């Protein structure tokens, strides 16, 4: 009788335990998929094309530097194209980009609950949210041009302030040195 009760208990409890694990796994999978959807909606999922563009620009800058010119002949262009393809293929394959995006999921989970992710998704799916997604690049472009203009004026001021700081630090160091030599 005891063996039968144990068998019956195992037959009931084991499937329930496995089912609850499966439910948890499904919740994790859904949460991960929701975050990837959010990343795609907000542009974070476009990491691959952005990185590929940056690498192509880096390779081109290196080529111009090596050539000592902003113009390349046909043979040089073929070499640049070959190396650009090689580097992108080696480091920025779709699998590598997806792996990088997968690494972002835990970061999102650290700061946002599943409920919050879903609420954000609901917002971005709404007409107002879609408008925000559509207009944000233009807003940021215009705003960044304002910031860049302001920073131009800061450059000389920051340089002057750091020069003044360096003079003060040198004076302190000189005083310290003169006291030590006495």
C-alpha atoms as a PDB file:
ATOM      1  CA  UNK A   1       0.000   0.000   0.000  1.00  0.00           C
ATOM      2  CA  UNK A   2       2.797   2.440   0.877  1.00  0.00           C
ATOM      3  CA  UNK A   3       4.465   1.894  -2.510  1.00  0.00           C
ATOM      4  CA  UNK A   4       1.173   2.528  -4.243  1.00  0.00           C
ATOM      5  CA  UNK A   5       0.670   5.814  -2.348  1.00  0.00           C
ATOM      6  CA  UNK A   6       4.218   6.895  -3.162  1.00  0.00           C
ATOM      7  CA  UNK A   7       3.717   5.984  -6.816  1.00  0.00           C
ATOM      8  CA  UNK A   8       0.396   7.839  -6.935  1.00  0.00           C
ATOM      9  CA  UNK A   9       1.913  10.884  -5.233  1.00  0.00           C
ATOM     10  CA  UNK A  10       4.845  10.861  -7.662  1.00  0.00           C
ATOM     11  CA  UNK A  11       2.485  10.444 -10.603  1.00  0.00           C
ATOM     12  CA  UNK A  12       0.526  13.524  -9.525  1.00  0.00           C
ATOM     13  CA  UNK A  13       3.299  15.750  -8.131  1.00  0.00           C
ATOM     14  CA  UNK A  14       5.948  15.184 -10.827  1.00  0.00           C
ATOM     15  CA  UNK A  15       3.803  16.350 -13.771  1.00  0.00           C
ATOM     16  CA  UNK A  16       2.656  19.377 -11.752  1.00  0.00           C
ATOM     17  CA  UNK A  17       6.266  20.267 -10.951  1.00  0.00           C
ATOM     18  CA  UNK A  18       7.247  19.901 -14.607  1.00  0.00           C
ATOM     19  CA  UNK A  19       4.239  21.935 -15.716  1.00  0.00           C
ATOM     20  CA  UNK A  20       5.096  24.770 -13.321  1.00  0.00           C
ATOM     21  CA  UNK A  21       8.658  24.812 -14.625  1.00  0.00           C
ATOM     22  CA  UNK A  22       7.308  24.996 -18.157  1.00  0.00           C
ATOM     23  CA  UNK A  23       5.001  27.864 -17.184  1.00  0.00           C
ATOM     24  CA  UNK A  24       7.987  29.721 -15.696  1.00  0.00           C
ATOM     25  CA  UNK A  25      10.032  29.074 -18.824  1.00  0.00           C
ATOM     26  CA  UNK A  26       7.153  30.383 -20.963  1.00  0.00           C
ATOM     27  CA  UNK A  27       6.947  33.525 -18.820  1.00  0.00           C
ATOM     28  CA  UNK A  28      10.680  34.109 -19.260  1.00  0.00           C
ATOM     29  CA  UNK A  29      10.434  33.529 -23.004  1.00  0.00           C
ATOM     30  CA  UNK A  30       7.521  35.984 -23.276  1.00  0.00           C
ATOM     31  CA  UNK A  31       9.321  38.598 -21.179  1.00  0.00           C
ATOM     32  CA  UNK A  32      12.418  38.255 -23.377  1.00  0.00           C
ATOM     33  CA  UNK A  33      10.323  38.522 -26.555  1.00  0.00           C
ATOM     34  CA  UNK A  34       8.546  41.616 -25.185  1.00  0.00           C
ATOM     35  CA  UNK A  35      11.879  43.281 -24.467  1.00  0.00           C
ATOM     36  CA  UNK A  36      13.175  42.453 -27.951  1.00  0.00           C
ATOM     37  CA  UNK A  37       9.953  43.938 -29.388  1.00  0.00           C
ATOM     38  CA  UNK A  38      10.487  47.085 -27.320  1.00  0.00           C
ATOM     39  CA  UNK A  39      14.094  47.269 -28.508  1.00  0.00           C
ATOM     40  CA  UNK A  40      12.956  46.972 -32.121  1.00  0.00           C
ATOM     41  CA  UNK A  41      10.246  49.607 -31.703  1.00  0.00           C
ATOM     42  CA  UNK A  42      12.614  52.125 -30.106  1.00  0.00           C
ATOM     43  CA  UNK A  43      15.459  51.541 -32.563  1.00  0.00           C
ATOM     44  CA  UNK A  44      17.766  49.702 -30.164  1.00  0.00           C
ATOM     45  CA  UNK A  45      17.194  46.592 -32.243  1.00  0.00           C
ATOM     46  CA  UNK A  46      18.831  48.317 -35.210  1.00  0.00           C
ATOM     47  CA  UNK A  47      22.233  47.845 -33.653  1.00  0.00           C
ATOM     48  CA  UNK A  48      23.538  45.748 -36.527  1.00  0.00           C
ATOM     49  CA  UNK A  49      23.102  48.236 -39.366  1.00  0.00           C
ATOM     50  CA  UNK A  50      24.369  51.073 -37.159  1.00  0.00           C
ATOM     51  CA  UNK A  51      27.490  49.156 -36.172  1.00  0.00           C
ATOM     52  CA  UNK A  52      28.110  48.088 -39.751  1.00  0.00           C
ATOM     53  CA  UNK A  53      27.903  51.724 -40.883  1.00  0.00           C
ATOM     54  CA  UNK A  54      30.319  52.776 -38.145  1.00  0.00           C
ATOM     55  CA  UNK A  55      32.806  50.057 -39.071  1.00  0.00           C
ATOM     56  CA  UNK A  56      32.588  51.004 -42.755  1.00  0.00           C
ATOM     57  CA  UNK A  57      33.298  54.634 -41.798  1.00  0.00           C
ATOM     58  CA  UNK A  58      36.254  53.597 -39.614  1.00  0.00           C
ATOM     59  CA  UNK A  59      37.731  51.511 -42.422  1.00  0.00           C
ATOM     60  CA  UNK A  60      37.248  54.382 -44.865  1.00  0.00           C
ATOM     61  CA  UNK A  61      38.939  56.875 -42.498  1.00  0.00           C
ATOM     62  CA  UNK A  62      41.861  54.476 -42.092  1.00  0.00           C
ATOM     63  CA  UNK A  63      42.076  54.153 -45.884  1.00  0.00           C
ATOM     64  CA  UNK A  64      42.094  57.927 -46.389  1.00  0.00           C
ATOM     65  CA  UNK A  65      44.769  58.269 -43.717  1.00  0.00           C
ATOM     66  CA  UNK A  66      46.930  55.569 -45.333  1.00  0.00           C
ATOM     67  CA  UNK A  67      46.450  57.109 -48.771  1.00  0.00           C
ATOM     68  CA  UNK A  68      47.110  60.611 -47.486  1.00  0.00           C
ATOM     69  CA  UNK A  69      44.113  61.736 -49.484  1.00  0.00           C
ATOM     70  CA  UNK A  70      40.327  61.895 -49.381  1.00  0.00           C
ATOM     71  CA  UNK A  71      40.200  60.195 -52.782  1.00  0.00           C
ATOM     72  CA  UNK A  72      41.002  56.584 -53.569  1.00  0.00           C
ATOM     73  CA  UNK A  73      41.838  55.017 -56.911  1.00  0.00           C
ATOM     74  CA  UNK A  74      39.906  51.966 -58.116  1.00  0.00           C
ATOM     75  CA  UNK A  75      42.460  49.449 -56.809  1.00  0.00           C
ATOM     76  CA  UNK A  76      42.380  51.066 -53.354  1.00  0.00           C
ATOM     77  CA  UNK A  77      38.565  51.103 -53.352  1.00  0.00           C
ATOM     78  CA  UNK A  78      38.561  47.344 -54.052  1.00  0.00           C
ATOM     79  CA  UNK A  79      40.935  46.759 -51.131  1.00  0.00           C
ATOM     80  CA  UNK A  80      38.780  48.911 -48.832  1.00  0.00           C
ATOM     81  CA  UNK A  81      35.628  47.079 -49.923  1.00  0.00           C
ATOM     82  CA  UNK A  82      37.282  43.704 -49.340  1.00  0.00           C
ATOM     83  CA  UNK A  83      38.472  44.637 -45.855  1.00  0.00           C
ATOM     84  CA  UNK A  84      35.151  46.219 -44.947  1.00  0.00           C
ATOM     85  CA  UNK A  85      33.375  43.008 -45.943  1.00  0.00           C
ATOM     86  CA  UNK A  86      35.929  40.875 -44.111  1.00  0.00           C
ATOM     87  CA  UNK A  87      35.675  42.865 -40.875  1.00  0.00           C
ATOM     88  CA  UNK A  88      31.884  43.088 -40.943  1.00  0.00           C
ATOM     89  CA  UNK A  89      31.596  39.385 -41.760  1.00  0.00           C
ATOM     90  CA  UNK A  90      33.997  38.455 -38.987  1.00  0.00           C
ATOM     91  CA  UNK A  91      32.585  40.574 -36.175  1.00  0.00           C
ATOM     92  CA  UNK A  92      29.142  41.769 -37.196  1.00  0.00           C
ATOM     93  CA  UNK A  93      27.420  38.707 -38.586  1.00  0.00           C
ATOM     94  CA  UNK A  94      23.700  38.427 -37.912  1.00  0.00           C
ATOM     95  CA  UNK A  95      24.453  35.769 -35.271  1.00  0.00           C
ATOM     96  CA  UNK A  96      26.918  38.076 -33.484  1.00  0.00           C
ATOM     97  CA  UNK A  97      24.489  40.994 -33.596  1.00  0.00           C
ATOM     98  CA  UNK A  98      21.655  38.822 -32.241  1.00  0.00           C
ATOM     99  CA  UNK A  99      23.962  37.639 -29.456  1.00  0.00           C
ATOM    100  CA  UNK A 100      24.723  41.272 -28.577  1.00  0.00           C
ATOM    101  CA  UNK A 101      21.021  42.106 -28.561  1.00  0.00           C
ATOM    102  CA  UNK A 102      20.354  39.080 -26.356  1.00  0.00           C
ATOM    103  CA  UNK A 103      22.886  40.480 -23.881  1.00  0.00           C
ATOM    104  CA  UNK A 104      20.810  43.662 -23.639  1.00  0.00           C
ATOM    105  CA  UNK A 105      17.730  41.768 -22.421  1.00  0.00           C
ATOM    106  CA  UNK A 106      19.009  41.252 -18.844  1.00  0.00           C
ATOM    107  CA  UNK A 107      19.911  44.945 -18.680  1.00  0.00           C
ATOM    108  CA  UNK A 108      16.322  45.882 -19.577  1.00  0.00           C
ATOM    109  CA  UNK A 109      15.058  43.348 -17.000  1.00  0.00           C
ATOM    110  CA  UNK A 110      17.256  44.937 -14.353  1.00  0.00           C
ATOM    111  CA  UNK A 111      15.499  48.282 -14.743  1.00  0.00           C
ATOM    112  CA  UNK A 112      12.016  47.382 -16.009  1.00  0.00           C
ATOM    113  CA  UNK A 113       9.474  44.848 -14.789  1.00  0.00           C
ATOM    114  CA  UNK A 114       7.497  42.782 -17.300  1.00  0.00           C
ATOM    115  CA  UNK A 115       4.462  44.896 -16.462  1.00  0.00           C
ATOM    116  CA  UNK A 116       6.359  48.097 -17.212  1.00  0.00           C
ATOM    117  CA  UNK A 117       7.684  46.696 -20.498  1.00  0.00           C
ATOM    118  CA  UNK A 118       4.125  45.814 -21.524  1.00  0.00           C
ATOM    119  CA  UNK A 119       2.843  49.269 -20.535  1.00  0.00           C
ATOM    120  CA  UNK A 120       5.609  50.906 -22.572  1.00  0.00           C
ATOM    121  CA  UNK A 121       4.769  48.651 -25.529  1.00  0.00           C
ATOM    122  CA  UNK A 122       1.093  49.609 -25.210  1.00  0.00           C
ATOM    123  CA  UNK A 123       2.098  53.265 -25.310  1.00  0.00           C
ATOM    124  CA  UNK A 124       4.294  52.845 -28.390  1.00  0.00           C
ATOM    125  CA  UNK A 125       1.504  50.941 -30.160  1.00  0.00           C
ATOM    126  CA  UNK A 126      -0.941  53.790 -29.457  1.00  0.00           C
ATOM    127  CA  UNK A 127      -1.284  56.642 -31.987  1.00  0.00           C
ATOM    128  CA  UNK A 128       0.575  59.005 -29.626  1.00  0.00           C
ATOM    129  CA  UNK A 129       3.349  56.488 -29.074  1.00  0.00           C
ATOM    130  CA  UNK A 130       3.707  55.861 -32.818  1.00  0.00           C
ATOM    131  CA  UNK A 131       3.934  59.618 -33.377  1.00  0.00           C
ATOM    132  CA  UNK A 132       6.622  59.810 -30.696  1.00  0.00           C
ATOM    133  CA  UNK A 133       8.617  57.069 -32.416  1.00  0.00           C
ATOM    134  CA  UNK A 134       8.220  58.765 -35.805  1.00  0.00           C
ATOM    135  CA  UNK A 135       9.146  62.266 -34.643  1.00  0.00           C
ATOM    136  CA  UNK A 136      11.864  61.446 -32.087  1.00  0.00           C
ATOM    137  CA  UNK A 137      14.695  61.267 -34.666  1.00  0.00           C
ATOM    138  CA  UNK A 138      13.783  64.738 -35.989  1.00  0.00           C
ATOM    139  CA  UNK A 139      13.417  66.126 -32.472  1.00  0.00           C
ATOM    140  CA  UNK A 140      16.791  64.723 -31.422  1.00  0.00           C
ATOM    141  CA  UNK A 141      18.514  65.905 -34.609  1.00  0.00           C
ATOM    142  CA  UNK A 142      17.253  69.444 -34.115  1.00  0.00           C
ATOM    143  CA  UNK A 143      18.045  69.410 -30.409  1.00  0.00           C
ATOM    144  CA  UNK A 144      21.552  68.031 -30.968  1.00  0.00           C
ATOM    145  CA  UNK A 145      22.320  70.836 -33.411  1.00  0.00           C
ATOM    146  CA  UNK A 146      21.394  73.302 -30.634  1.00  0.00           C
ATOM    147  CA  UNK A 147      23.616  71.441 -28.156  1.00  0.00           C
ATOM    148  CA  UNK A 148      26.519  71.337 -30.635  1.00  0.00           C
ATOM    149  CA  UNK A 149      26.209  75.080 -31.231  1.00  0.00           C
ATOM    150  CA  UNK A 150      26.266  75.741 -27.482  1.00  0.00           C
ATOM    151  CA  UNK A 151      29.289  73.484 -27.045  1.00  0.00           C
ATOM    152  CA  UNK A 152      31.267  75.502 -29.583  1.00  0.00           C
ATOM    153  CA  UNK A 153      31.080  78.455 -27.213  1.00  0.00           C
ATOM    154  CA  UNK A 154      32.018  76.324 -24.240  1.00  0.00           C
ATOM    155  CA  UNK A 155      35.221  75.040 -25.825  1.00  0.00           C
ATOM    156  CA  UNK A 156      37.303  78.191 -25.293  1.00  0.00           C
ATOM    157  CA  UNK A 157      35.814  78.789 -21.852  1.00  0.00           C
ATOM    158  CA  UNK A 158      36.574  75.222 -20.742  1.00  0.00           C
ATOM    159  CA  UNK A 159      40.105  75.531 -22.117  1.00  0.00           C
ATOM    160  CA  UNK A 160      40.596  78.821 -20.221  1.00  0.00           C
ATOM    161  CA  UNK A 161      39.190  77.339 -17.010  1.00  0.00           C
ATOM    162  CA  UNK A 162      41.405  74.241 -17.196  1.00  0.00           C
ATOM    163  CA  UNK A 163      44.465  76.427 -17.907  1.00  0.00           C
ATOM    164  CA  UNK A 164      43.620  78.464 -14.805  1.00  0.00           C
ATOM    165  CA  UNK A 165      43.231  75.258 -12.781  1.00  0.00           C
ATOM    166  CA  UNK A 166      46.614  74.019 -14.038  1.00  0.00           C
ATOM    167  CA  UNK A 167      48.255  77.279 -12.901  1.00  0.00           C
ATOM    168  CA  UNK A 168      46.750  76.894  -9.426  1.00  0.00           C
ATOM    169  CA  UNK A 169      47.857  73.252  -9.198  1.00  0.00           C
ATOM    170  CA  UNK A 170      51.363  74.191 -10.340  1.00  0.00           C
ATOM    171  CA  UNK A 171      51.504  76.947  -7.707  1.00  0.00           C
ATOM    172  CA  UNK A 172      50.507  74.439  -5.006  1.00  0.00           C
ATOM    173  CA  UNK A 173      53.108  71.960  -6.234  1.00  0.00           C
ATOM    174  CA  UNK A 174      55.784  74.691  -6.369  1.00  0.00           C
ATOM    175  CA  UNK A 175      54.986  75.775  -2.781  1.00  0.00           C
ATOM    176  CA  UNK A 176      55.182  72.174  -1.635  1.00  0.00           C
ATOM    177  CA  UNK A 177      58.518  71.693  -3.407  1.00  0.00           C
ATOM    178  CA  UNK A 178      59.991  74.909  -1.981  1.00  0.00           C
ATOM    179  CA  UNK A 179      58.947  73.901   1.579  1.00  0.00           C
ATOM    180  CA  UNK A 180      60.493  70.483   1.128  1.00  0.00           C
ATOM    181  CA  UNK A 181      63.817  71.927  -0.057  1.00  0.00           C
ATOM    182  CA  UNK A 182      64.124  74.262   2.974  1.00  0.00           C
END
